[in-house]
Structures are given as structure tokens and as C-alpha cells.
Amino acid sequence: MSRRPNEQNERIKRQFLDYRKFARQLSEKSLDKELSALERFDVWNGRKDFARFHIEWAMEFRTFLEQFKSTTGKPLGKSTTRAILATLREFVLWLSQQDGFRSRIKPSDADYFKLSRRDEAEARAAPPRPAPSINQAKHALSLLPDRTPCELRDKAVFALLCLTGIRVAALISLRVKHVDLVERSITQNPREVATKFGKSIDTFFMKNFEEAESVLAQWIRHLDQEMLFGPDDPLFPATAIIAQANTGFKADGFKRRPWRSTEPVRKIVNDAFSQASLPTFGPHSFRHMLARHAANSSTSIAELVANSQNLGHTSVLTTLQSYGQISRERQRELITGRKPDE
């Protein structure tokens, strides 16, 4: 049975998280992960006072993580282990600067929360990230029905992902006014759109995807002419559900508010690929699709930079290293000058 939380430790954890939130400006999602890492360490250590910290705790905890097995028998991934240790490293470094701890904890003690060089390299290595091809996305889009308003909305969601690779949190917070069909653009104003790190992003539609533009335009016309939505109304309103006496619940038009979570978008995308008899990619895979397409088709550095900015990346290296992996077949073709069938 686990021990009850240590009151002093809990107070210190809260102070650290306040520092990370307001001084380091971490998001709530990141803070939740850091709290989870601190709690994992605290429970493993039997709730001992942080004031008694010794470097042996760090070394033993690292061994514990390396040997940990989940209920399914799987070990922790190297990237997960690295993230947990990184939180503990930041915590101990911060602790060494606090009154009452300076004489007991040295800044260098934080260095013991590190992976081996080999494991660090493995943790940093970009894992394979499955993504659809442009043709697969077009095929899935063409099979989506649009007979009802709900079906048209869902198809427009898929179409916008094809055109822009917009992050799903930003997508569900878009308003009608953020879309400019003439300029073929999406304005992601951080005051109104949930962009990553609150960045302002101007995103333009991918070329040669006219069918997706047509679907999006049809949906916006429906919002304007049939639903009488204005510029400040949500681009993708949530479905209104009503109760029925005998058959439970059914969809009944739309609410004048966006979805409260990203789950409906994930279901739309998964179902679209599944119905097309393709692997069930998620919404984020469109970003990989567009980045890889740019890496393979761009004819200049400027074009690569433009595609990187379109995805909202600060650096083109982010696009190439995290999203633009080249397949083994394409690598072979570029290096040897021979196509796969040669």
C-alpha cells in the first residue's frame, strides 16, 4: 500500500509547477506531464522528504525506469524515460536554488538524472511516423458522402486537413472569418485560434487539390445561406443531439459553438481512411503528408521554407527533421540515381 502524500513534498511540487507555469511559461498539458513525473518519483521513493535528496536516489530511479514493465509487459520507451528524467533534472536544479535546500543540494546533483549517451541518442531519434500519400488522401476524400449537412461538415473537415495540415486544436477553434477562399488561406490569429505556443500563422492551401477546395467552399456556402452563420460563428459547429422516446438520441442540426474536444475530428479522419480500405491515419498525419510532399517535390530552398512556415514551424529544420523523412526507396533513388524498379 502506498504511503500518504508528504505534505512538505506536495507544497514544494506546487511551488515548482508554479515556477514552470509562470516563469517558464509551460502549457497546462506540459505541466500535467511534469506533475506525473514528479509523482512517479515521489511514490517510488516512499514519499521521503525532498530535503533529504541524495544522488543515489537519482541513479536508483534511473535503473528503476530502465527495468520498469507495464501491466502488458512492455518497457518504458526511451523517449518517455528521457522526458521523466528531464523533469526530475529541472526539479532538482530548481530545488538547489531554494532557501533551505542550497546547503544540501548542489546544482550538479541534477546531472545524475540523465540517460546513457546511447539511450539518449535512441530517445532523440525520430520514430517512423506513418502518413498517407497525397493520392491516398484524395481517394479517401472522394469516397466521403455529403448528402446531409453533418456529412458535408465532416467532409469539409477532412478537406481542410488535406489542404493545410492544420493542427487539430486550431482546426476546431476556427471561425468562419478565418477562411479566405479567394486568397486560398487560413488566418490563425492566436487571440481567437488555439495555435501552438500562441503563434500567429498564415496558412495557404496546397496546390493541385481543387476537389478539397470545392468541398470547403460548398460547406461555407451552406453555413452562410442555409444556417445563416456569421463571420464570428464557428467554422465547424458541434452536432446538436436530441432525446427520443423510443430510439434514444439522434443528431438534430448544429449548435452555434465549436466542438469541446478534438475527438470528433479524430473519429472523422479514422473513419474516412477505414471506409476507403486504407490504414487508419490520425489528423496529425496530414502534417507529415504535406511535409514529406514538400521535401520530395520542392525545387528551391525558398519553397521548402514557405512550406515550413505554412505548417507553423519556426525553423525549416523542424519540418525536415521531424516531419520530412524520406523513404528508403526515395533515399536509394536520390543517392544511386536509380529508380526502385531498376
Protein backbone atom coordinates (compact mmCIF):
# COMPACT_ATOMS: atom_id res chain seq x y z
CA MET A 1 0.00 0.00 0.00
CA SER A 2 1.43 3.38 -0.96
CA ARG A 3 2.13 5.94 1.70
CA ARG A 4 0.07 9.06 2.13
CA PRO A 5 1.41 12.16 0.34
CA ASN A 6 4.11 14.05 2.19
CA GLU A 7 2.68 17.49 2.96
CA GLN A 8 6.05 19.23 2.63
CA ASN A 9 6.78 17.48 -0.68
CA GLU A 10 3.37 18.42 -2.04
CA ARG A 11 3.96 22.07 -1.19
CA ILE A 12 7.36 22.02 -2.90
CA LYS A 13 5.92 20.34 -6.02
CA ARG A 14 3.24 23.02 -6.24
CA GLN A 15 5.84 25.80 -5.95
CA PHE A 16 7.94 24.16 -8.68
CA LEU A 17 4.95 23.83 -11.02
CA ASP A 18 4.03 27.48 -10.41
CA TYR A 19 7.58 28.39 -11.40
CA ARG A 20 7.36 26.26 -14.53
CA LYS A 21 3.99 27.75 -15.45
CA PHE A 22 4.63 31.44 -14.87
CA ALA A 23 8.41 31.76 -15.25
CA ARG A 24 8.99 29.12 -17.92
CA GLN A 25 5.53 29.54 -19.48
CA LEU A 26 4.73 25.85 -19.87
CA SER A 27 1.27 24.83 -21.07
CA GLU A 28 -1.23 23.02 -18.86
CA LYS A 29 -0.62 19.84 -20.86
CA SER A 30 3.12 20.04 -20.21
CA LEU A 31 2.54 20.78 -16.54
CA ASP A 32 0.35 17.69 -16.22
CA LYS A 33 3.18 15.57 -17.63
CA GLU A 34 5.69 17.11 -15.25
CA LEU A 35 3.39 16.56 -12.28
CA SER A 36 3.02 12.92 -13.33
CA ALA A 37 6.82 12.54 -13.48
CA LEU A 38 7.27 14.09 -10.02
CA GLU A 39 4.55 11.87 -8.58
CA ARG A 40 6.12 8.76 -10.11
CA PHE A 41 9.43 9.63 -8.44
CA ASP A 42 7.79 10.54 -5.13
CA VAL A 43 5.84 7.27 -4.94
CA TRP A 44 8.87 5.19 -5.96
CA ASN A 45 10.91 6.88 -3.21
CA GLY A 46 8.34 6.16 -0.50
CA ARG A 47 7.40 9.84 -0.09
CA LYS A 48 10.72 10.66 1.59
CA ASP A 49 11.36 14.36 2.17
CA PHE A 50 12.91 16.02 -0.86
CA ALA A 51 15.17 17.85 1.60
CA ARG A 52 16.99 14.55 2.17
CA PHE A 53 17.80 14.15 -1.54
CA HIS A 54 20.94 12.21 -2.41
CA ILE A 55 22.42 11.43 -5.81
CA GLU A 56 21.89 7.72 -5.11
CA TRP A 57 18.15 8.37 -5.44
CA ALA A 58 18.70 9.61 -8.99
CA MET A 59 20.86 6.66 -10.02
CA GLU A 60 18.50 4.10 -8.49
CA PHE A 61 15.43 5.78 -10.01
CA ARG A 62 17.02 5.69 -13.45
CA THR A 63 17.65 1.96 -13.01
CA PHE A 64 14.05 1.53 -11.89
CA LEU A 65 12.76 3.24 -15.06
CA GLU A 66 15.05 1.18 -17.29
CA GLN A 67 13.74 -2.05 -15.73
CA PHE A 68 10.09 -0.98 -15.44
CA LYS A 69 7.46 -3.11 -17.16
CA SER A 70 3.84 -2.13 -17.71
CA THR A 71 0.92 -4.45 -16.98
CA THR A 72 1.28 -5.71 -20.56
CA GLY A 73 4.95 -6.48 -20.02
CA LYS A 74 6.24 -3.65 -22.20
CA PRO A 75 9.15 -1.47 -21.01
CA LEU A 76 9.01 2.32 -21.00
CA GLY A 77 10.04 3.88 -24.29
CA LYS A 78 13.38 5.65 -24.30
CA SER A 79 11.72 8.98 -25.15
CA THR A 80 9.29 8.57 -22.23
CA THR A 81 12.13 7.75 -19.84
CA ARG A 82 14.07 10.74 -21.14
CA ALA A 83 11.10 13.06 -20.55
CA ILE A 84 10.62 11.83 -16.96
CA LEU A 85 14.30 12.25 -16.14
CA ALA A 86 14.36 15.69 -17.76
CA THR A 87 11.57 16.82 -15.42
CA LEU A 88 13.44 15.48 -12.37
CA ARG A 89 16.63 17.17 -13.58
CA GLU A 90 14.87 20.53 -13.83
CA PHE A 91 13.24 19.95 -10.45
CA VAL A 92 16.48 19.19 -8.60
CA LEU A 93 18.26 22.11 -10.31
CA TRP A 94 15.44 24.41 -9.18
CA LEU A 95 15.48 22.88 -5.70
CA SER A 96 19.20 23.59 -5.33
CA GLN A 97 18.43 27.30 -5.63
CA GLN A 98 15.70 27.43 -2.97
CA ASP A 99 16.08 28.60 0.61
CA GLY A 100 16.64 25.69 2.95
CA PHE A 101 18.00 23.44 0.18
CA ARG A 102 21.11 25.26 -1.08
CA SER A 103 23.37 23.76 1.57
CA ARG A 104 22.09 20.22 0.95
CA ILE A 105 21.62 20.01 -2.82
CA LYS A 106 24.17 21.13 -5.42
CA PRO A 107 23.21 22.12 -8.99
CA SER A 108 25.46 19.35 -10.31
CA ASP A 109 23.28 16.77 -8.49
CA ALA A 110 20.68 17.28 -11.21
CA ASP A 111 23.07 15.79 -13.78
CA TYR A 112 22.54 12.32 -12.36
CA PHE A 113 19.05 12.32 -13.88
CA LYS A 114 20.36 11.54 -17.36
CA LEU A 115 20.23 8.62 -19.76
CA SER A 116 23.36 6.99 -21.07
CA ARG A 117 24.69 8.52 -24.29
CA ARG A 118 23.45 5.52 -26.25
CA ASP A 119 19.94 5.70 -24.76
CA GLU A 120 19.88 9.47 -25.20
CA ALA A 121 20.62 9.10 -28.91
CA GLU A 122 17.91 6.45 -29.23
CA ALA A 123 15.41 8.65 -27.40
CA ARG A 124 16.14 11.58 -29.71
CA ALA A 125 15.88 9.52 -32.88
CA ALA A 126 12.70 10.34 -34.76
CA PRO A 127 10.45 7.25 -34.79
CA PRO A 128 8.74 6.18 -38.00
CA ARG A 129 5.61 8.27 -38.40
CA PRO A 130 3.01 6.76 -40.72
CA ALA A 131 1.26 9.19 -43.02
CA PRO A 132 -0.95 8.89 -46.10
CA SER A 133 0.25 9.72 -49.58
CA ILE A 134 -1.38 12.57 -51.47
CA ASN A 135 -3.21 10.04 -53.65
CA GLN A 136 -4.48 8.14 -50.63
CA ALA A 137 -5.85 11.34 -49.10
CA LYS A 138 -7.54 12.31 -52.37
CA HIS A 139 -9.05 8.84 -52.68
CA ALA A 140 -10.43 8.89 -49.13
CA LEU A 141 -11.86 12.38 -49.67
CA SER A 142 -13.61 11.32 -52.89
CA LEU A 143 -15.42 8.48 -51.09
CA LEU A 144 -16.77 10.59 -48.24
CA PRO A 145 -20.54 11.20 -48.53
CA ASP A 146 -22.01 14.71 -48.43
CA ARG A 147 -25.75 14.06 -48.61
CA THR A 148 -26.60 15.56 -45.19
CA PRO A 149 -25.30 18.72 -43.52
CA CYS A 150 -23.37 16.63 -40.96
CA GLU A 151 -21.73 14.60 -43.72
CA LEU A 152 -20.82 17.79 -45.59
CA ARG A 153 -19.27 19.29 -42.44
CA ASP A 154 -17.23 16.14 -41.81
CA LYS A 155 -16.06 16.07 -45.40
CA ALA A 156 -15.06 19.73 -45.13
CA VAL A 157 -13.01 18.92 -42.01
CA PHE A 158 -11.14 16.24 -43.95
CA ALA A 159 -10.71 18.61 -46.90
CA LEU A 160 -9.20 21.38 -44.77
CA LEU A 161 -6.72 18.95 -43.25
CA CYS A 162 -5.70 17.88 -46.76
CA LEU A 163 -5.22 21.49 -47.83
CA THR A 164 -3.33 22.82 -44.82
CA GLY A 165 -2.29 20.14 -42.30
CA ILE A 166 -3.58 22.50 -39.61
CA ARG A 167 -3.22 21.25 -36.05
CA VAL A 168 -6.43 19.73 -34.78
CA ALA A 169 -6.74 22.05 -31.75
CA ALA A 170 -6.54 25.05 -34.08
CA LEU A 171 -8.98 23.49 -36.53
CA ILE A 172 -11.81 23.12 -34.01
CA SER A 173 -11.36 26.72 -32.84
CA LEU A 174 -11.54 28.32 -36.30
CA ARG A 175 -14.29 30.79 -37.11
CA VAL A 176 -15.85 31.42 -40.49
CA LYS A 177 -13.96 34.72 -40.87
CA HIS A 178 -10.59 32.98 -40.65
CA VAL A 179 -11.08 31.38 -44.07
CA ASP A 180 -10.46 33.39 -47.25
CA LEU A 181 -11.49 31.33 -50.27
CA VAL A 182 -10.33 34.00 -52.72
CA GLU A 183 -6.84 34.22 -51.23
CA ARG A 184 -6.97 30.46 -50.52
CA SER A 185 -5.80 30.98 -46.95
CA ILE A 186 -6.47 30.39 -43.26
CA THR A 187 -5.53 33.13 -40.79
CA GLN A 188 -4.66 31.58 -37.45
CA ASN A 189 -4.95 34.54 -35.09
CA PRO A 190 -3.72 33.35 -31.66
CA ARG A 191 -6.20 35.64 -29.92
CA GLU A 192 -9.02 33.56 -31.37
CA VAL A 193 -7.45 30.32 -32.61
CA ALA A 194 -5.77 27.72 -30.37
CA THR A 195 -2.35 27.77 -32.06
CA LYS A 196 0.69 26.04 -30.57
CA PHE A 197 2.69 28.41 -28.33
CA GLY A 198 0.23 31.19 -29.26
CA LYS A 199 1.92 31.79 -32.62
CA SER A 200 0.30 33.79 -35.40
CA ILE A 201 0.22 31.58 -38.51
CA ASP A 202 -0.80 32.38 -42.08
CA THR A 203 -1.59 29.13 -43.89
CA PHE A 204 -2.30 28.79 -47.62
CA PHE A 205 -3.99 25.95 -49.45
CA MET A 206 -1.85 23.26 -51.02
CA LYS A 207 -1.81 23.44 -54.81
CA ASN A 208 -3.36 20.80 -57.07
CA PHE A 209 -6.05 19.82 -54.55
CA GLU A 210 -9.03 21.51 -56.19
CA GLU A 211 -11.51 18.87 -55.03
CA ALA A 212 -10.74 19.70 -51.40
CA GLU A 213 -11.17 23.43 -52.06
CA SER A 214 -14.52 22.72 -53.70
CA VAL A 215 -15.76 20.78 -50.67
CA LEU A 216 -14.67 23.54 -48.28
CA ALA A 217 -16.35 26.21 -50.41
CA GLN A 218 -19.57 24.18 -50.53
CA TRP A 219 -19.61 23.89 -46.75
CA ILE A 220 -19.01 27.62 -46.22
CA ARG A 221 -21.86 28.42 -48.63
CA HIS A 222 -24.08 26.12 -46.59
CA LEU A 223 -23.11 27.92 -43.38
CA ASP A 224 -23.87 31.29 -44.98
CA GLN A 225 -27.03 30.55 -46.97
CA GLU A 226 -28.73 27.71 -45.09
CA MET A 227 -27.64 28.16 -41.49
CA LEU A 228 -27.23 31.96 -41.53
CA PHE A 229 -23.86 31.78 -39.77
CA GLY A 230 -21.87 34.99 -39.48
CA PRO A 231 -18.11 35.68 -39.57
CA ASP A 232 -17.67 35.09 -35.83
CA ASP A 233 -19.51 31.77 -35.76
CA PRO A 234 -17.53 28.50 -35.62
CA LEU A 235 -16.37 27.08 -38.93
CA PHE A 236 -17.12 23.57 -37.71
CA PRO A 237 -20.04 23.69 -35.25
CA ALA A 238 -20.79 20.82 -32.88
CA THR A 239 -23.69 18.50 -33.61
CA ALA A 240 -26.89 19.12 -31.68
CA ILE A 241 -28.26 15.96 -30.05
CA ILE A 242 -31.89 15.49 -29.01
CA ALA A 243 -33.50 12.71 -26.98
CA GLN A 244 -36.19 10.49 -28.47
CA ALA A 245 -38.73 8.46 -26.56
CA ASN A 246 -38.08 5.10 -28.20
CA THR A 247 -34.77 5.30 -30.03
CA GLY A 248 -32.53 7.14 -27.58
CA PHE A 249 -30.67 10.10 -29.10
CA LYS A 250 -30.25 11.45 -32.61
CA ALA A 251 -28.47 14.30 -34.37
CA ASP A 252 -30.59 17.38 -34.90
CA GLY A 253 -28.69 20.10 -36.72
CA PHE A 254 -25.86 22.07 -35.17
CA LYS A 255 -25.13 24.11 -32.10
CA ARG A 256 -23.71 27.58 -32.56
CA ARG A 257 -20.48 26.59 -30.82
CA PRO A 258 -17.43 24.53 -31.78
CA TRP A 259 -16.59 21.04 -30.54
CA ARG A 260 -15.29 20.96 -26.96
CA SER A 261 -12.63 18.35 -27.73
CA THR A 262 -10.62 17.08 -30.69
CA GLU A 263 -12.07 13.57 -30.51
CA PRO A 264 -14.80 14.13 -33.18
CA VAL A 265 -12.10 15.16 -35.68
CA ARG A 266 -10.05 12.06 -34.92
CA LYS A 267 -13.11 9.89 -35.50
CA ILE A 268 -13.90 11.63 -38.80
CA VAL A 269 -10.36 11.06 -40.09
CA ASN A 270 -10.06 7.48 -38.85
CA ASP A 271 -13.44 6.54 -40.33
CA ALA A 272 -12.63 8.20 -43.67
CA PHE A 273 -9.47 6.16 -44.19
CA SER A 274 -11.10 2.99 -42.86
CA GLN A 275 -14.03 3.31 -45.27
CA ALA A 276 -11.53 3.70 -48.10
CA SER A 277 -9.86 0.41 -47.02
CA LEU A 278 -6.70 2.28 -46.07
CA PRO A 279 -4.70 2.35 -42.81
CA THR A 280 -6.42 4.47 -40.16
CA PHE A 281 -4.23 7.57 -40.02
CA GLY A 282 -4.89 10.33 -37.50
CA PRO A 283 -5.36 14.09 -38.05
CA HIS A 284 -1.71 14.88 -37.31
CA SER A 285 -0.61 12.59 -40.14
CA PHE A 286 -1.66 15.26 -42.66
CA ARG A 287 1.20 17.43 -41.42
CA HIS A 288 3.63 14.60 -42.16
CA MET A 289 1.98 14.07 -45.54
CA LEU A 290 2.44 17.70 -46.58
CA ALA A 291 5.97 17.97 -45.16
CA ARG A 292 7.11 14.84 -47.00
CA HIS A 293 5.47 16.02 -50.17
CA ALA A 294 7.35 19.32 -49.85
CA ALA A 295 10.64 17.53 -49.16
CA ASN A 296 10.18 15.39 -52.27
CA SER A 297 8.80 17.99 -54.68
CA SER A 298 10.27 21.38 -53.71
CA THR A 299 12.60 22.78 -56.37
CA SER A 300 14.19 25.53 -54.26
CA ILE A 301 15.17 26.39 -50.70
CA ALA A 302 12.58 29.18 -50.72
CA GLU A 303 9.82 26.69 -51.48
CA LEU A 304 10.91 24.48 -48.57
CA VAL A 305 10.92 27.50 -46.24
CA ALA A 306 7.45 28.53 -47.44
CA ASN A 307 6.09 25.05 -46.73
CA SER A 308 7.69 25.11 -43.28
CA GLN A 309 6.07 28.47 -42.49
CA ASN A 310 2.77 27.14 -43.79
CA LEU A 311 2.88 24.41 -41.13
CA GLY A 312 3.66 26.98 -38.44
CA HIS A 313 7.24 25.86 -37.81
CA THR A 314 9.76 28.37 -36.53
CA SER A 315 12.61 26.62 -38.36
CA VAL A 316 12.72 24.69 -41.61
CA LEU A 317 14.89 22.13 -39.77
CA THR A 318 11.85 21.20 -37.67
CA THR A 319 9.94 20.39 -40.84
CA LEU A 320 12.74 18.33 -42.34
CA GLN A 321 13.90 16.51 -39.20
CA SER A 322 10.54 15.77 -37.54
CA TYR A 323 8.17 15.60 -40.48
CA GLY A 324 10.01 15.34 -43.76
CA GLN A 325 11.64 11.92 -43.52
CA ILE A 326 12.50 10.46 -46.91
CA SER A 327 11.56 6.84 -47.52
CA ARG A 328 14.25 4.20 -48.04
CA GLU A 329 13.22 3.84 -51.69
CA ARG A 330 13.43 7.60 -52.30
CA GLN A 331 16.78 7.75 -50.48
CA ARG A 332 18.12 4.99 -52.73
CA GLU A 333 16.85 6.75 -55.84
CA LEU A 334 18.43 10.09 -54.88
CA ILE A 335 21.78 8.58 -53.93
CA THR A 336 22.21 5.99 -56.65
CA GLY A 337 20.27 7.70 -59.41
CA ARG A 338 18.27 4.51 -59.99
CA LYS A 339 14.53 4.13 -59.56
CA PRO A 340 13.18 1.25 -57.43
CA ASP A 341 12.33 -0.92 -60.45
CA GLU A 342 15.81 -0.61 -61.97
